[in-house]
All heavy atoms as atom14 arrays in JSON, in Angstrom:
{
  "sequence": "EVLKDCPQARLVLFGQGPDEQSIRAQVARTGIESSVRLAGFRND",
  "atom14_mask": [
    [1, 1, 1, 1, 1, 1, 1, 1, 1, 0, 0, 0, 0, 0],
    [1, 1, 1, 1, 1, 1, 1, 0, 0, 0, 0, 0, 0, 0],
    [1, 1, 1, 1, 1, 1, 1, 1, 0, 0, 0, 0, 0, 0],
    [1, 1, 1, 1, 1, 1, 1, 1, 1, 0, 0, 0, 0, 0],
    [1, 1, 1, 1, 1, 1, 1, 1, 0, 0, 0, 0, 0, 0],
    [1, 1, 1, 1, 1, 1, 0, 0, 0, 0, 0, 0, 0, 0],
    [1, 1, 1, 1, 1, 1, 1, 0, 0, 0, 0, 0, 0, 0],
    [1, 1, 1, 1, 1, 1, 1, 1, 1, 0, 0, 0, 0, 0],
    [1, 1, 1, 1, 1, 0, 0, 0, 0, 0, 0, 0, 0, 0],
    [1, 1, 1, 1, 1, 1, 1, 1, 1, 1, 1, 0, 0, 0],
    [1, 1, 1, 1, 1, 1, 1, 1, 0, 0, 0, 0, 0, 0],
    [1, 1, 1, 1, 1, 1, 1, 0, 0, 0, 0, 0, 0, 0],
    [1, 1, 1, 1, 1, 1, 1, 1, 0, 0, 0, 0, 0, 0],
    [1, 1, 1, 1, 1, 1, 1, 1, 1, 1, 1, 0, 0, 0],
    [1, 1, 1, 1, 0, 0, 0, 0, 0, 0, 0, 0, 0, 0],
    [1, 1, 1, 1, 1, 1, 1, 1, 1, 0, 0, 0, 0, 0],
    [1, 1, 1, 1, 0, 0, 0, 0, 0, 0, 0, 0, 0, 0],
    [1, 1, 1, 1, 1, 1, 1, 0, 0, 0, 0, 0, 0, 0],
    [1, 1, 1, 1, 1, 1, 1, 1, 0, 0, 0, 0, 0, 0],
    [1, 1, 1, 1, 1, 1, 1, 1, 1, 0, 0, 0, 0, 0],
    [1, 1, 1, 1, 1, 1, 1, 1, 1, 0, 0, 0, 0, 0],
    [1, 1, 1, 1, 1, 1, 0, 0, 0, 0, 0, 0, 0, 0],
    [1, 1, 1, 1, 1, 1, 1, 1, 0, 0, 0, 0, 0, 0],
    [1, 1, 1, 1, 1, 1, 1, 1, 1, 1, 1, 0, 0, 0],
    [1, 1, 1, 1, 1, 0, 0, 0, 0, 0, 0, 0, 0, 0],
    [1, 1, 1, 1, 1, 1, 1, 1, 1, 0, 0, 0, 0, 0],
    [1, 1, 1, 1, 1, 1, 1, 0, 0, 0, 0, 0, 0, 0],
    [1, 1, 1, 1, 1, 0, 0, 0, 0, 0, 0, 0, 0, 0],
    [1, 1, 1, 1, 1, 1, 1, 1, 1, 1, 1, 0, 0, 0],
    [1, 1, 1, 1, 1, 1, 1, 0, 0, 0, 0, 0, 0, 0],
    [1, 1, 1, 1, 0, 0, 0, 0, 0, 0, 0, 0, 0, 0],
    [1, 1, 1, 1, 1, 1, 1, 1, 0, 0, 0, 0, 0, 0],
    [1, 1, 1, 1, 1, 1, 1, 1, 1, 0, 0, 0, 0, 0],
    [1, 1, 1, 1, 1, 1, 0, 0, 0, 0, 0, 0, 0, 0],
    [1, 1, 1, 1, 1, 1, 0, 0, 0, 0, 0, 0, 0, 0],
    [1, 1, 1, 1, 1, 1, 1, 0, 0, 0, 0, 0, 0, 0],
    [1, 1, 1, 1, 1, 1, 1, 1, 1, 1, 1, 0, 0, 0],
    [1, 1, 1, 1, 1, 1, 1, 1, 0, 0, 0, 0, 0, 0],
    [1, 1, 1, 1, 1, 0, 0, 0, 0, 0, 0, 0, 0, 0],
    [1, 1, 1, 1, 0, 0, 0, 0, 0, 0, 0, 0, 0, 0],
    [1, 1, 1, 1, 1, 1, 1, 1, 1, 1, 1, 0, 0, 0],
    [1, 1, 1, 1, 1, 1, 1, 1, 1, 1, 1, 0, 0, 0],
    [1, 1, 1, 1, 1, 1, 1, 1, 0, 0, 0, 0, 0, 0],
    [1, 1, 1, 1, 1, 1, 1, 1, 0, 0, 0, 0, 0, 0]
  ],
  "atom14_positions": [
    [[19.52, -3.86, 3.34], [20.75, -4.61, 3.08], [21.94, -3.65, 2.89], [23.04, -3.89, 3.37], [20.55, -5.47, 1.82], [21.41, -6.71, 1.81], [21.07, -7.64, 0.65], [19.88, -7.76, 0.3], [22.01, -8.22, 0.09], [0.0, 0.0, 0.0], [0.0, 0.0, 0.0], [0.0, 0.0, 0.0], [0.0, 0.0, 0.0], [0.0, 0.0, 0.0]],
    [[21.67, -2.55, 2.18], [22.71, -1.53, 1.98], [23.16, -0.98, 3.34], [24.35, -0.83, 3.62], [22.2, -0.38, 1.08], [23.21, 0.74, 0.98], [21.85, -0.92, -0.31], [0.0, 0.0, 0.0], [0.0, 0.0, 0.0], [0.0, 0.0, 0.0], [0.0, 0.0, 0.0], [0.0, 0.0, 0.0], [0.0, 0.0, 0.0], [0.0, 0.0, 0.0]],
    [[22.18, -0.7, 4.2], [22.48, -0.12, 5.53], [23.29, -1.07, 6.4], [24.16, -0.63, 7.15], [21.18, 0.2, 6.26], [20.47, 1.49, 5.89], [19.19, 1.6, 6.7], [21.36, 2.7, 6.12], [0.0, 0.0, 0.0], [0.0, 0.0, 0.0], [0.0, 0.0, 0.0], [0.0, 0.0, 0.0], [0.0, 0.0, 0.0], [0.0, 0.0, 0.0]],
    [[23.01, -2.37, 6.28], [23.76, -3.35, 7.05], [25.24, -3.25, 6.71], [26.12, -3.32, 7.56], [23.25, -4.77, 6.75], [22.44, -5.37, 7.89], [22.11, -6.84, 7.61], [21.1, -6.96, 6.48], [20.45, -8.25, 6.35], [0.0, 0.0, 0.0], [0.0, 0.0, 0.0], [0.0, 0.0, 0.0], [0.0, 0.0, 0.0], [0.0, 0.0, 0.0]],
    [[25.5, -3.09, 5.42], [26.87, -3.04, 4.93], [27.5, -1.66, 5.14], [28.69, -1.53, 5.36], [26.85, -3.39, 3.43], [28.23, -3.66, 2.88], [28.81, -4.69, 3.26], [28.73, -2.84, 2.08], [0.0, 0.0, 0.0], [0.0, 0.0, 0.0], [0.0, 0.0, 0.0], [0.0, 0.0, 0.0], [0.0, 0.0, 0.0], [0.0, 0.0, 0.0]],
    [[26.65, -0.62, 5.03], [27.15, 0.77, 5.08], [26.19, 1.6, 5.94], [25.31, 2.28, 5.41], [27.22, 1.31, 3.65], [27.79, 3.01, 3.55], [0.0, 0.0, 0.0], [0.0, 0.0, 0.0], [0.0, 0.0, 0.0], [0.0, 0.0, 0.0], [0.0, 0.0, 0.0], [0.0, 0.0, 0.0], [0.0, 0.0, 0.0], [0.0, 0.0, 0.0]],
    [[26.33, 1.53, 7.28], [25.39, 2.21, 8.19], [25.32, 3.72, 7.97], [24.33, 4.36, 8.32], [25.93, 1.9, 9.58], [26.9, 0.78, 9.41], [27.4, 0.82, 8.0], [0.0, 0.0, 0.0], [0.0, 0.0, 0.0], [0.0, 0.0, 0.0], [0.0, 0.0, 0.0], [0.0, 0.0, 0.0], [0.0, 0.0, 0.0], [0.0, 0.0, 0.0]],
    [[26.37, 4.3, 7.38], [26.37, 5.76, 7.19], [25.71, 6.16, 5.86], [25.73, 7.32, 5.48], [27.79, 6.33, 7.3], [28.77, 5.94, 6.22], [29.43, 4.57, 6.46], [28.84, 3.68, 7.06], [30.65, 4.41, 5.98], [0.0, 0.0, 0.0], [0.0, 0.0, 0.0], [0.0, 0.0, 0.0], [0.0, 0.0, 0.0], [0.0, 0.0, 0.0]],
    [[25.1, 5.2, 5.17], [24.39, 5.51, 3.92], [23.08, 6.25, 4.22], [22.39, 5.93, 5.19], [24.1, 4.23, 3.14], [0.0, 0.0, 0.0], [0.0, 0.0, 0.0], [0.0, 0.0, 0.0], [0.0, 0.0, 0.0], [0.0, 0.0, 0.0], [0.0, 0.0, 0.0], [0.0, 0.0, 0.0], [0.0, 0.0, 0.0], [0.0, 0.0, 0.0]],
    [[22.77, 7.24, 3.4], [21.49, 7.96, 3.5], [20.88, 8.04, 2.11], [21.59, 8.26, 1.12], [21.7, 9.38, 4.04], [22.18, 9.43, 5.49], [21.13, 8.88, 6.46], [21.56, 8.87, 7.84], [22.21, 7.86, 8.44], [22.55, 6.78, 7.73], [22.53, 7.92, 9.71], [0.0, 0.0, 0.0], [0.0, 0.0, 0.0], [0.0, 0.0, 0.0]],
    [[19.58, 7.88, 2.05], [18.85, 7.87, 0.78], [17.93, 9.08, 0.73], [17.1, 9.27, 1.62], [18.03, 6.58, 0.67], [17.15, 6.41, -0.56], [17.96, 6.39, -1.85], [16.34, 5.11, -0.44], [0.0, 0.0, 0.0], [0.0, 0.0, 0.0], [0.0, 0.0, 0.0], [0.0, 0.0, 0.0], [0.0, 0.0, 0.0], [0.0, 0.0, 0.0]],
    [[18.09, 9.92, -0.3], [17.23, 11.09, -0.46], [16.4, 10.9, -1.72], [16.94, 10.76, -2.82], [18.06, 12.39, -0.56], [17.12, 13.6, -0.61], [19.02, 12.53, 0.63], [0.0, 0.0, 0.0], [0.0, 0.0, 0.0], [0.0, 0.0, 0.0], [0.0, 0.0, 0.0], [0.0, 0.0, 0.0], [0.0, 0.0, 0.0], [0.0, 0.0, 0.0]],
    [[15.08, 10.87, -1.55], [14.16, 10.67, -2.68], [13.59, 12.02, -3.1], [12.9, 12.68, -2.33], [13.01, 9.74, -2.27], [13.38, 8.36, -1.71], [12.12, 7.6, -1.29], [14.18, 7.55, -2.73], [0.0, 0.0, 0.0], [0.0, 0.0, 0.0], [0.0, 0.0, 0.0], [0.0, 0.0, 0.0], [0.0, 0.0, 0.0], [0.0, 0.0, 0.0]],
    [[13.9, 12.42, -4.32], [13.34, 13.66, -4.87], [12.2, 13.29, -5.81], [12.39, 12.5, -6.73], [14.4, 14.44, -5.65], [15.48, 15.01, -4.78], [16.74, 14.43, -4.76], [15.24, 16.11, -3.97], [17.75, 14.94, -3.95], [16.24, 16.63, -3.16], [17.5, 16.04, -3.14], [0.0, 0.0, 0.0], [0.0, 0.0, 0.0], [0.0, 0.0, 0.0]],
    [[11.02, 13.87, -5.57], [9.9, 13.58, -6.46], [8.59, 13.75, -5.72], [8.54, 14.04, -4.52], [0.0, 0.0, 0.0], [0.0, 0.0, 0.0], [0.0, 0.0, 0.0], [0.0, 0.0, 0.0], [0.0, 0.0, 0.0], [0.0, 0.0, 0.0], [0.0, 0.0, 0.0], [0.0, 0.0, 0.0], [0.0, 0.0, 0.0], [0.0, 0.0, 0.0]],
    [[7.52, 13.54, -6.48], [6.18, 13.58, -5.89], [5.32, 12.69, -6.77], [5.72, 12.32, -7.86], [5.66, 15.01, -5.87], [5.57, 15.65, -7.24], [5.27, 17.15, -7.19], [5.43, 17.79, -6.17], [4.86, 17.71, -8.31], [0.0, 0.0, 0.0], [0.0, 0.0, 0.0], [0.0, 0.0, 0.0], [0.0, 0.0, 0.0], [0.0, 0.0, 0.0]],
    [[4.12, 12.38, -6.28], [3.24, 11.56, -7.11], [2.32, 10.71, -6.27], [2.4, 10.71, -5.04], [0.0, 0.0, 0.0], [0.0, 0.0, 0.0], [0.0, 0.0, 0.0], [0.0, 0.0, 0.0], [0.0, 0.0, 0.0], [0.0, 0.0, 0.0], [0.0, 0.0, 0.0], [0.0, 0.0, 0.0], [0.0, 0.0, 0.0], [0.0, 0.0, 0.0]],
    [[1.43, 9.97, -6.95], [0.37, 9.23, -6.27], [0.87, 8.15, -5.31], [0.16, 7.76, -4.4], [-0.44, 8.59, -7.42], [0.41, 8.73, -8.64], [1.32, 9.88, -8.42], [0.0, 0.0, 0.0], [0.0, 0.0, 0.0], [0.0, 0.0, 0.0], [0.0, 0.0, 0.0], [0.0, 0.0, 0.0], [0.0, 0.0, 0.0], [0.0, 0.0, 0.0]],
    [[2.11, 7.67, -5.49], [2.62, 6.6, -4.63], [3.26, 7.09, -3.34], [3.81, 6.29, -2.57], [3.65, 5.75, -5.39], [2.99, 4.73, -6.3], [1.75, 4.78, -6.44], [3.71, 3.9, -6.88], [0.0, 0.0, 0.0], [0.0, 0.0, 0.0], [0.0, 0.0, 0.0], [0.0, 0.0, 0.0], [0.0, 0.0, 0.0], [0.0, 0.0, 0.0]],
    [[3.19, 8.39, -3.09], [3.93, 8.92, -1.93], [3.52, 8.24, -0.62], [4.37, 7.86, 0.19], [3.75, 10.44, -1.8], [4.56, 10.99, -0.65], [4.68, 12.5, -0.65], [4.48, 13.14, -1.71], [5.0, 13.06, 0.42], [0.0, 0.0, 0.0], [0.0, 0.0, 0.0], [0.0, 0.0, 0.0], [0.0, 0.0, 0.0], [0.0, 0.0, 0.0]],
    [[2.22, 8.04, -0.42], [1.76, 7.43, 0.84], [2.28, 6.01, 0.98], [2.73, 5.59, 2.05], [0.22, 7.45, 0.94], [-0.35, 8.81, 1.33], [0.51, 9.58, 2.33], [1.17, 10.56, 2.0], [0.53, 9.11, 3.58], [0.0, 0.0, 0.0], [0.0, 0.0, 0.0], [0.0, 0.0, 0.0], [0.0, 0.0, 0.0], [0.0, 0.0, 0.0]],
    [[2.25, 5.24, -0.11], [2.71, 3.85, 0.0], [4.22, 3.8, 0.18], [4.75, 2.91, 0.86], [2.26, 3.02, -1.21], [2.81, 3.54, -2.39], [0.0, 0.0, 0.0], [0.0, 0.0, 0.0], [0.0, 0.0, 0.0], [0.0, 0.0, 0.0], [0.0, 0.0, 0.0], [0.0, 0.0, 0.0], [0.0, 0.0, 0.0], [0.0, 0.0, 0.0]],
    [[4.94, 4.77, -0.38], [6.39, 4.84, -0.17], [6.68, 5.15, 1.3], [7.51, 4.49, 1.94], [7.03, 5.89, -1.11], [7.04, 5.36, -2.55], [8.44, 6.26, -0.65], [7.44, 6.39, -3.6], [0.0, 0.0, 0.0], [0.0, 0.0, 0.0], [0.0, 0.0, 0.0], [0.0, 0.0, 0.0], [0.0, 0.0, 0.0], [0.0, 0.0, 0.0]],
    [[5.96, 6.13, 1.85], [6.14, 6.46, 3.28], [5.82, 5.25, 4.16], [6.52, 4.96, 5.14], [5.24, 7.63, 3.68], [5.74, 8.98, 3.18], [4.93, 10.14, 3.74], [5.33, 11.39, 3.12], [6.41, 12.09, 3.46], [7.19, 11.67, 4.44], [6.72, 13.22, 2.83], [0.0, 0.0, 0.0], [0.0, 0.0, 0.0], [0.0, 0.0, 0.0]],
    [[4.76, 4.54, 3.79], [4.35, 3.37, 4.58], [5.43, 2.28, 4.51], [5.74, 1.65, 5.53], [3.02, 2.82, 4.05], [0.0, 0.0, 0.0], [0.0, 0.0, 0.0], [0.0, 0.0, 0.0], [0.0, 0.0, 0.0], [0.0, 0.0, 0.0], [0.0, 0.0, 0.0], [0.0, 0.0, 0.0], [0.0, 0.0, 0.0], [0.0, 0.0, 0.0]],
    [[6.01, 2.07, 3.34], [7.06, 1.05, 3.2], [8.3, 1.43, 4.03], [8.91, 0.58, 4.67], [7.44, 0.86, 1.72], [8.38, -0.33, 1.5], [8.76, -0.52, 0.03], [8.23, 0.15, -0.85], [9.67, -1.45, -0.23], [0.0, 0.0, 0.0], [0.0, 0.0, 0.0], [0.0, 0.0, 0.0], [0.0, 0.0, 0.0], [0.0, 0.0, 0.0]],
    [[8.64, 2.72, 4.01], [9.79, 3.2, 4.8], [9.54, 2.92, 6.29], [10.42, 2.4, 6.99], [10.02, 4.72, 4.56], [10.97, 5.3, 5.6], [10.55, 4.96, 3.15], [0.0, 0.0, 0.0], [0.0, 0.0, 0.0], [0.0, 0.0, 0.0], [0.0, 0.0, 0.0], [0.0, 0.0, 0.0], [0.0, 0.0, 0.0], [0.0, 0.0, 0.0]],
    [[8.33, 3.24, 6.75], [8.0, 3.03, 8.17], [7.99, 1.54, 8.51], [8.56, 1.12, 9.52], [6.64, 3.65, 8.47], [0.0, 0.0, 0.0], [0.0, 0.0, 0.0], [0.0, 0.0, 0.0], [0.0, 0.0, 0.0], [0.0, 0.0, 0.0], [0.0, 0.0, 0.0], [0.0, 0.0, 0.0], [0.0, 0.0, 0.0], [0.0, 0.0, 0.0]],
    [[7.37, 0.74, 7.63], [7.24, -0.7, 7.86], [8.61, -1.37, 7.93], [8.83, -2.31, 8.68], [6.42, -1.29, 6.7], [5.79, -2.64, 6.97], [4.81, -3.03, 5.88], [5.39, -3.03, 4.55], [5.01, -2.24, 3.55], [4.07, -1.34, 3.74], [5.58, -2.32, 2.36], [0.0, 0.0, 0.0], [0.0, 0.0, 0.0], [0.0, 0.0, 0.0]],
    [[9.53, -0.86, 7.12], [10.85, -1.49, 7.02], [11.78, -0.97, 8.12], [12.89, -1.49, 8.28], [11.47, -1.17, 5.63], [10.43, -1.24, 4.64], [12.51, -2.19, 5.24], [0.0, 0.0, 0.0], [0.0, 0.0, 0.0], [0.0, 0.0, 0.0], [0.0, 0.0, 0.0], [0.0, 0.0, 0.0], [0.0, 0.0, 0.0], [0.0, 0.0, 0.0]],
    [[11.35, 0.07, 8.84], [12.16, 0.6, 9.94], [13.41, 1.34, 9.47], [14.44, 1.32, 10.13], [0.0, 0.0, 0.0], [0.0, 0.0, 0.0], [0.0, 0.0, 0.0], [0.0, 0.0, 0.0], [0.0, 0.0, 0.0], [0.0, 0.0, 0.0], [0.0, 0.0, 0.0], [0.0, 0.0, 0.0], [0.0, 0.0, 0.0], [0.0, 0.0, 0.0]],
    [[13.3, 2.01, 8.32], [14.49, 2.7, 7.77], [14.33, 4.22, 7.78], [15.09, 4.93, 7.13], [14.8, 2.2, 6.33], [13.55, 2.28, 5.44], [15.37, 0.79, 6.34], [13.77, 1.87, 3.98], [0.0, 0.0, 0.0], [0.0, 0.0, 0.0], [0.0, 0.0, 0.0], [0.0, 0.0, 0.0], [0.0, 0.0, 0.0], [0.0, 0.0, 0.0]],
    [[13.34, 4.72, 8.58], [13.05, 6.17, 8.55], [14.28, 7.04, 8.79], [14.43, 8.08, 8.16], [12.01, 6.58, 9.61], [10.65, 6.01, 9.43], [10.41, 4.84, 10.37], [11.35, 4.05, 10.6], [9.29, 4.75, 10.89], [0.0, 0.0, 0.0], [0.0, 0.0, 0.0], [0.0, 0.0, 0.0], [0.0, 0.0, 0.0], [0.0, 0.0, 0.0]],
    [[15.15, 6.62, 9.72], [16.25, 7.51, 10.09], [17.25, 7.68, 8.94], [18.02, 8.64, 8.94], [16.97, 6.98, 11.33], [17.51, 5.71, 11.05], [0.0, 0.0, 0.0], [0.0, 0.0, 0.0], [0.0, 0.0, 0.0], [0.0, 0.0, 0.0], [0.0, 0.0, 0.0], [0.0, 0.0, 0.0], [0.0, 0.0, 0.0], [0.0, 0.0, 0.0]],
    [[17.22, 6.78, 7.97], [18.21, 6.87, 6.88], [17.6, 7.31, 5.55], [18.29, 7.37, 4.54], [18.89, 5.52, 6.7], [17.97, 4.59, 6.16], [0.0, 0.0, 0.0], [0.0, 0.0, 0.0], [0.0, 0.0, 0.0], [0.0, 0.0, 0.0], [0.0, 0.0, 0.0], [0.0, 0.0, 0.0], [0.0, 0.0, 0.0], [0.0, 0.0, 0.0]],
    [[16.3, 7.6, 5.52], [15.64, 7.98, 4.27], [15.01, 9.37, 4.41], [14.41, 9.68, 5.43], [14.53, 6.96, 3.88], [13.84, 7.37, 2.58], [15.12, 5.55, 3.72], [0.0, 0.0, 0.0], [0.0, 0.0, 0.0], [0.0, 0.0, 0.0], [0.0, 0.0, 0.0], [0.0, 0.0, 0.0], [0.0, 0.0, 0.0], [0.0, 0.0, 0.0]],
    [[15.19, 10.2, 3.38], [14.55, 11.52, 3.35], [13.64, 11.59, 2.12], [14.11, 11.3, 1.02], [15.59, 12.64, 3.23], [16.79, 12.54, 4.15], [16.51, 13.16, 5.51], [17.67, 13.11, 6.36], [18.0, 12.06, 7.13], [17.26, 10.97, 7.12], [19.06, 12.11, 7.91], [0.0, 0.0, 0.0], [0.0, 0.0, 0.0], [0.0, 0.0, 0.0]],
    [[12.4, 12.0, 2.32], [11.54, 12.31, 1.18], [11.59, 13.82, 1.01], [11.05, 14.56, 1.83], [10.11, 11.82, 1.41], [9.84, 10.39, 0.91], [10.55, 9.37, 1.78], [8.34, 10.1, 0.88], [0.0, 0.0, 0.0], [0.0, 0.0, 0.0], [0.0, 0.0, 0.0], [0.0, 0.0, 0.0], [0.0, 0.0, 0.0], [0.0, 0.0, 0.0]],
    [[12.26, 14.27, -0.03], [12.59, 15.7, -0.15], [11.68, 16.45, -1.12], [11.93, 17.62, -1.41], [14.05, 15.85, -0.56], [0.0, 0.0, 0.0], [0.0, 0.0, 0.0], [0.0, 0.0, 0.0], [0.0, 0.0, 0.0], [0.0, 0.0, 0.0], [0.0, 0.0, 0.0], [0.0, 0.0, 0.0], [0.0, 0.0, 0.0], [0.0, 0.0, 0.0]],
    [[10.64, 15.77, -1.61], [9.68, 16.46, -2.48], [10.24, 16.76, -3.86], [11.34, 16.35, -4.22], [0.0, 0.0, 0.0], [0.0, 0.0, 0.0], [0.0, 0.0, 0.0], [0.0, 0.0, 0.0], [0.0, 0.0, 0.0], [0.0, 0.0, 0.0], [0.0, 0.0, 0.0], [0.0, 0.0, 0.0], [0.0, 0.0, 0.0], [0.0, 0.0, 0.0]],
    [[9.45, 17.47, -4.65], [9.87, 17.85, -6.0], [10.74, 19.1, -5.92], [10.41, 20.04, -5.21], [8.63, 18.14, -6.86], [8.98, 18.73, -8.2], [9.47, 17.93, -9.22], [8.84, 20.09, -8.43], [9.82, 18.48, -10.46], [9.18, 20.65, -9.66], [9.66, 19.83, -10.67], [0.0, 0.0, 0.0], [0.0, 0.0, 0.0], [0.0, 0.0, 0.0]],
    [[11.86, 19.12, -6.63], [12.73, 20.3, -6.65], [13.03, 20.66, -8.1], [13.33, 19.77, -8.9], [14.08, 19.98, -5.97], [13.98, 19.51, -4.53], [13.75, 20.62, -3.56], [14.81, 21.61, -3.58], [15.32, 22.15, -2.49], [14.9, 21.79, -1.29], [16.27, 23.07, -2.58], [0.0, 0.0, 0.0], [0.0, 0.0, 0.0], [0.0, 0.0, 0.0]],
    [[12.95, 21.96, -8.41], [13.33, 22.34, -9.78], [14.73, 22.96, -9.81], [15.15, 23.53, -10.8], [12.29, 23.28, -10.41], [12.09, 24.52, -9.58], [12.84, 24.76, -8.64], [11.08, 25.31, -9.91], [0.0, 0.0, 0.0], [0.0, 0.0, 0.0], [0.0, 0.0, 0.0], [0.0, 0.0, 0.0], [0.0, 0.0, 0.0], [0.0, 0.0, 0.0]],
    [[15.46, 22.84, -8.67], [16.81, 23.42, -8.62], [17.87, 22.33, -8.41], [18.95, 22.57, -7.87], [16.91, 24.46, -7.49], [16.56, 23.88, -6.12], [16.02, 22.75, -6.05], [16.84, 24.54, -5.11], [0.0, 0.0, 0.0], [0.0, 0.0, 0.0], [0.0, 0.0, 0.0], [0.0, 0.0, 0.0], [0.0, 0.0, 0.0], [0.0, 0.0, 0.0]]
  ]
}
C-alpha cells in the first residue's frame, strides 16, 4: 500500500533471527522484492 502511494519508497530491514526465512518468503509472495532489503545485523 505504501508503494502504491510512494513508488520510490525503499524498506531496509536490519536484524537477524529465527523468522528470517518466513520474512523472505512473505517478501517474495507479496512481490515486493525490488523495494525491500534484508541487510542483516549491524553493530555500526
